[in-house]
Amino acid sequence: MVLPVKVSIDRTTHLAHTVDITAAGARLGGLRAQLQAGMTVELQRGSRKARFQIKWIQRVGTNETHVGVESLEPQEKFWGVDLCDRDRDSKKDMDALMKLLGVGPKTAE
């Protein structure tokens, strides 16, 4: 899910966006700052702020990296999205796809 975020690194704020989100962390894109795994950064989403640790970095272009971050201060609904509903919908979609493909648990007919 793509959501805009502000990333504060050493008192400098950068604009970025999420590529993937979970309750415990995210993959961020659009960053052009010098980063290192293990660094602590502050993310701001709306009025919510929290500290995250950079777990991995992947260069995806000449001036862009994707960054995996893990929350050091877990907050319920930090992203402003109810991930429980999203997880349930994803499971329903996957079950429907598996049924169409004829894969998965057999049911009595």
C-alpha atoms as a PDB file:
ATOM      1  CA  MET A   1       0.000   0.000   0.000  1.00  0.00           C
ATOM      2  CA  VAL A   2       1.463   3.353  -1.014  1.00  0.00           C
ATOM      3  CA  LEU A   3       1.236   5.993   1.706  1.00  0.00           C
ATOM      4  CA  PRO A   4       3.251   9.225   1.987  1.00  0.00           C
ATOM      5  CA  VAL A   5       5.603   9.436   4.984  1.00  0.00           C
ATOM      6  CA  LYS A   6       8.198  11.832   6.328  1.00  0.00           C
ATOM      7  CA  VAL A   7      11.506  10.264   7.333  1.00  0.00           C
ATOM      8  CA  SER A   8      13.748  12.162   9.752  1.00  0.00           C
ATOM      9  CA  ILE A   9      17.426  11.246   9.570  1.00  0.00           C
ATOM     10  CA  ASP A  10      19.936  13.210  11.642  1.00  0.00           C
ATOM     11  CA  ARG A  11      17.567  16.196  12.012  1.00  0.00           C
ATOM     12  CA  THR A  12      16.876  16.304   8.263  1.00  0.00           C
ATOM     13  CA  THR A  13      13.428  15.426   6.933  1.00  0.00           C
ATOM     14  CA  HIS A  14      12.967  13.497   3.687  1.00  0.00           C
ATOM     15  CA  LEU A  15       9.763  12.669   1.856  1.00  0.00           C
ATOM     16  CA  ALA A  16       9.213   9.011   1.016  1.00  0.00           C
ATOM     17  CA  HIS A  17       6.391   6.541   0.485  1.00  0.00           C
ATOM     18  CA  THR A  18       5.541   3.081   1.658  1.00  0.00           C
ATOM     19  CA  VAL A  19       5.735   0.173  -0.762  1.00  0.00           C
ATOM     20  CA  ASP A  20       4.523  -2.486   1.686  1.00  0.00           C
ATOM     21  CA  ILE A  21       3.271  -2.104   5.249  1.00  0.00           C
ATOM     22  CA  THR A  22       2.737  -4.384   8.228  1.00  0.00           C
ATOM     23  CA  ALA A  23       1.863  -3.695  11.839  1.00  0.00           C
ATOM     24  CA  ALA A  24       5.568  -4.122  12.733  1.00  0.00           C
ATOM     25  CA  GLY A  25       7.271  -2.288   9.875  1.00  0.00           C
ATOM     26  CA  ALA A  26       7.377  -1.355   6.218  1.00  0.00           C
ATOM     27  CA  ARG A  27       9.291  -1.215   2.972  1.00  0.00           C
ATOM     28  CA  LEU A  28       9.905   2.411   2.016  1.00  0.00           C
ATOM     29  CA  GLY A  29      10.659   3.818  -1.413  1.00  0.00           C
ATOM     30  CA  GLY A  30      11.598   7.186  -2.828  1.00  0.00           C
ATOM     31  CA  LEU A  31      14.515   7.720  -0.447  1.00  0.00           C
ATOM     32  CA  ARG A  32      17.649   9.335  -1.758  1.00  0.00           C
ATOM     33  CA  ALA A  33      19.512   9.831   1.526  1.00  0.00           C
ATOM     34  CA  GLN A  34      22.667   8.043   2.654  1.00  0.00           C
ATOM     35  CA  LEU A  35      21.455   5.194   4.833  1.00  0.00           C
ATOM     36  CA  GLN A  36      22.937   2.222   6.669  1.00  0.00           C
ATOM     37  CA  ALA A  37      21.376  -0.918   8.117  1.00  0.00           C
ATOM     38  CA  GLY A  38      21.021  -0.520  11.874  1.00  0.00           C
ATOM     39  CA  MET A  39      20.324   3.225  11.733  1.00  0.00           C
ATOM     40  CA  THR A  40      17.388   4.578  13.719  1.00  0.00           C
ATOM     41  CA  VAL A  41      15.049   6.942  11.868  1.00  0.00           C
ATOM     42  CA  GLU A  42      11.815   8.660  12.806  1.00  0.00           C
ATOM     43  CA  LEU A  43       8.795   8.206  10.563  1.00  0.00           C
ATOM     44  CA  GLN A  44       5.842  10.547  10.570  1.00  0.00           C
ATOM     45  CA  ARG A  45       2.481   9.562   9.122  1.00  0.00           C
ATOM     46  CA  GLY A  46      -0.045  12.354   9.647  1.00  0.00           C
ATOM     47  CA  SER A  47       0.278  13.436  13.279  1.00  0.00           C
ATOM     48  CA  ARG A  48       1.755  10.080  14.381  1.00  0.00           C
ATOM     49  CA  LYS A  49       5.497   9.738  14.896  1.00  0.00           C
ATOM     50  CA  ALA A  50       7.543   6.674  15.790  1.00  0.00           C
ATOM     51  CA  ARG A  51      11.125   5.463  15.731  1.00  0.00           C
ATOM     52  CA  PHE A  52      12.097   2.670  13.333  1.00  0.00           C
ATOM     53  CA  GLN A  53      15.303   0.754  12.727  1.00  0.00           C
ATOM     54  CA  ILE A  54      16.588   0.175   9.212  1.00  0.00           C
ATOM     55  CA  LYS A  55      16.897  -3.587   8.724  1.00  0.00           C
ATOM     56  CA  TRP A  56      17.939  -3.756   5.050  1.00  0.00           C
ATOM     57  CA  ILE A  57      18.656  -1.520   2.068  1.00  0.00           C
ATOM     58  CA  GLN A  58      18.198  -2.344  -1.622  1.00  0.00           C
ATOM     59  CA  ARG A  59      19.296  -0.061  -4.457  1.00  0.00           C
ATOM     60  CA  VAL A  60      16.558   0.046  -7.128  1.00  0.00           C
ATOM     61  CA  GLY A  61      17.841   2.868  -9.299  1.00  0.00           C
ATOM     62  CA  THR A  62      20.733   5.247  -9.692  1.00  0.00           C
ATOM     63  CA  ASN A  63      19.309   7.628  -7.081  1.00  0.00           C
ATOM     64  CA  GLU A  64      16.769   5.523  -5.210  1.00  0.00           C
ATOM     65  CA  THR A  65      16.748   2.802  -2.601  1.00  0.00           C
ATOM     66  CA  HIS A  66      14.110   0.684  -0.932  1.00  0.00           C
ATOM     67  CA  VAL A  67      14.526   0.360   2.802  1.00  0.00           C
ATOM     68  CA  GLY A  68      13.084  -2.232   5.176  1.00  0.00           C
ATOM     69  CA  VAL A  69      12.245  -0.709   8.548  1.00  0.00           C
ATOM     70  CA  GLU A  70      11.044  -2.267  11.801  1.00  0.00           C
ATOM     71  CA  SER A  71       9.175  -0.320  14.471  1.00  0.00           C
ATOM     72  CA  LEU A  72      10.983   0.336  17.733  1.00  0.00           C
ATOM     73  CA  GLU A  73       7.816   1.902  19.176  1.00  0.00           C
ATOM     74  CA  PRO A  74       4.862  -0.185  17.969  1.00  0.00           C
ATOM     75  CA  GLN A  75       1.671   1.853  17.793  1.00  0.00           C
ATOM     76  CA  GLU A  76      -1.775   0.564  17.007  1.00  0.00           C
ATOM     77  CA  LYS A  77      -2.855   1.884  13.587  1.00  0.00           C
ATOM     78  CA  PHE A  78       0.342   3.912  13.053  1.00  0.00           C
ATOM     79  CA  TRP A  79      -0.291   3.798   9.303  1.00  0.00           C
ATOM     80  CA  GLY A  80      -3.909   4.979   9.676  1.00  0.00           C
ATOM     81  CA  VAL A  81      -5.105   1.735   8.102  1.00  0.00           C
ATOM     82  CA  ASP A  82      -6.782  -1.220   9.810  1.00  0.00           C
ATOM     83  CA  LEU A  83      -4.451  -4.046   8.771  1.00  0.00           C
ATOM     84  CA  CYS A  84      -6.664  -6.705  10.403  1.00  0.00           C
ATOM     85  CA  ASP A  85      -9.420  -6.136   7.821  1.00  0.00           C
ATOM     86  CA  ARG A  86      -6.843  -6.102   5.050  1.00  0.00           C
ATOM     87  CA  ASP A  87      -5.379  -9.436   6.233  1.00  0.00           C
ATOM     88  CA  ARG A  88      -8.866 -10.986   6.345  1.00  0.00           C
ATOM     89  CA  ASP A  89      -9.670  -9.724   2.825  1.00  0.00           C
ATOM     90  CA  SER A  90      -6.342 -11.043   1.528  1.00  0.00           C
ATOM     91  CA  LYS A  91      -7.076 -14.480   2.989  1.00  0.00           C
ATOM     92  CA  LYS A  92     -10.562 -14.518   1.401  1.00  0.00           C
ATOM     93  CA  ASP A  93      -9.077 -13.525  -1.978  1.00  0.00           C
ATOM     94  CA  MET A  94      -6.407 -16.221  -1.713  1.00  0.00           C
ATOM     95  CA  ASP A  95      -8.977 -18.870  -0.723  1.00  0.00           C
ATOM     96  CA  ALA A  96     -11.171 -17.906  -3.701  1.00  0.00           C
ATOM     97  CA  LEU A  97      -8.182 -18.088  -6.060  1.00  0.00           C
ATOM     98  CA  MET A  98      -7.141 -21.494  -4.716  1.00  0.00           C
ATOM     99  CA  LYS A  99     -10.702 -22.751  -5.163  1.00  0.00           C
ATOM    100  CA  LEU A 100     -10.725 -21.554  -8.784  1.00  0.00           C
ATOM    101  CA  LEU A 101      -7.409 -23.276  -9.393  1.00  0.00           C
ATOM    102  CA  GLY A 102      -8.680 -26.451  -7.736  1.00  0.00           C
ATOM    103  CA  VAL A 103      -5.975 -26.284  -5.072  1.00  0.00           C
ATOM    104  CA  GLY A 104      -6.484 -26.519  -1.341  1.00  0.00           C
ATOM    105  CA  PRO A 105      -8.534 -28.550   1.091  1.00  0.00           C
ATOM    106  CA  LYS A 106     -11.106 -30.869  -0.421  1.00  0.00           C
ATOM    107  CA  THR A 107     -14.675 -30.356   0.682  1.00  0.00           C
ATOM    108  CA  ALA A 108     -17.414 -32.972   0.852  1.00  0.00           C
ATOM    109  CA  GLU A 109     -19.804 -32.755  -2.069  1.00  0.00           C
END
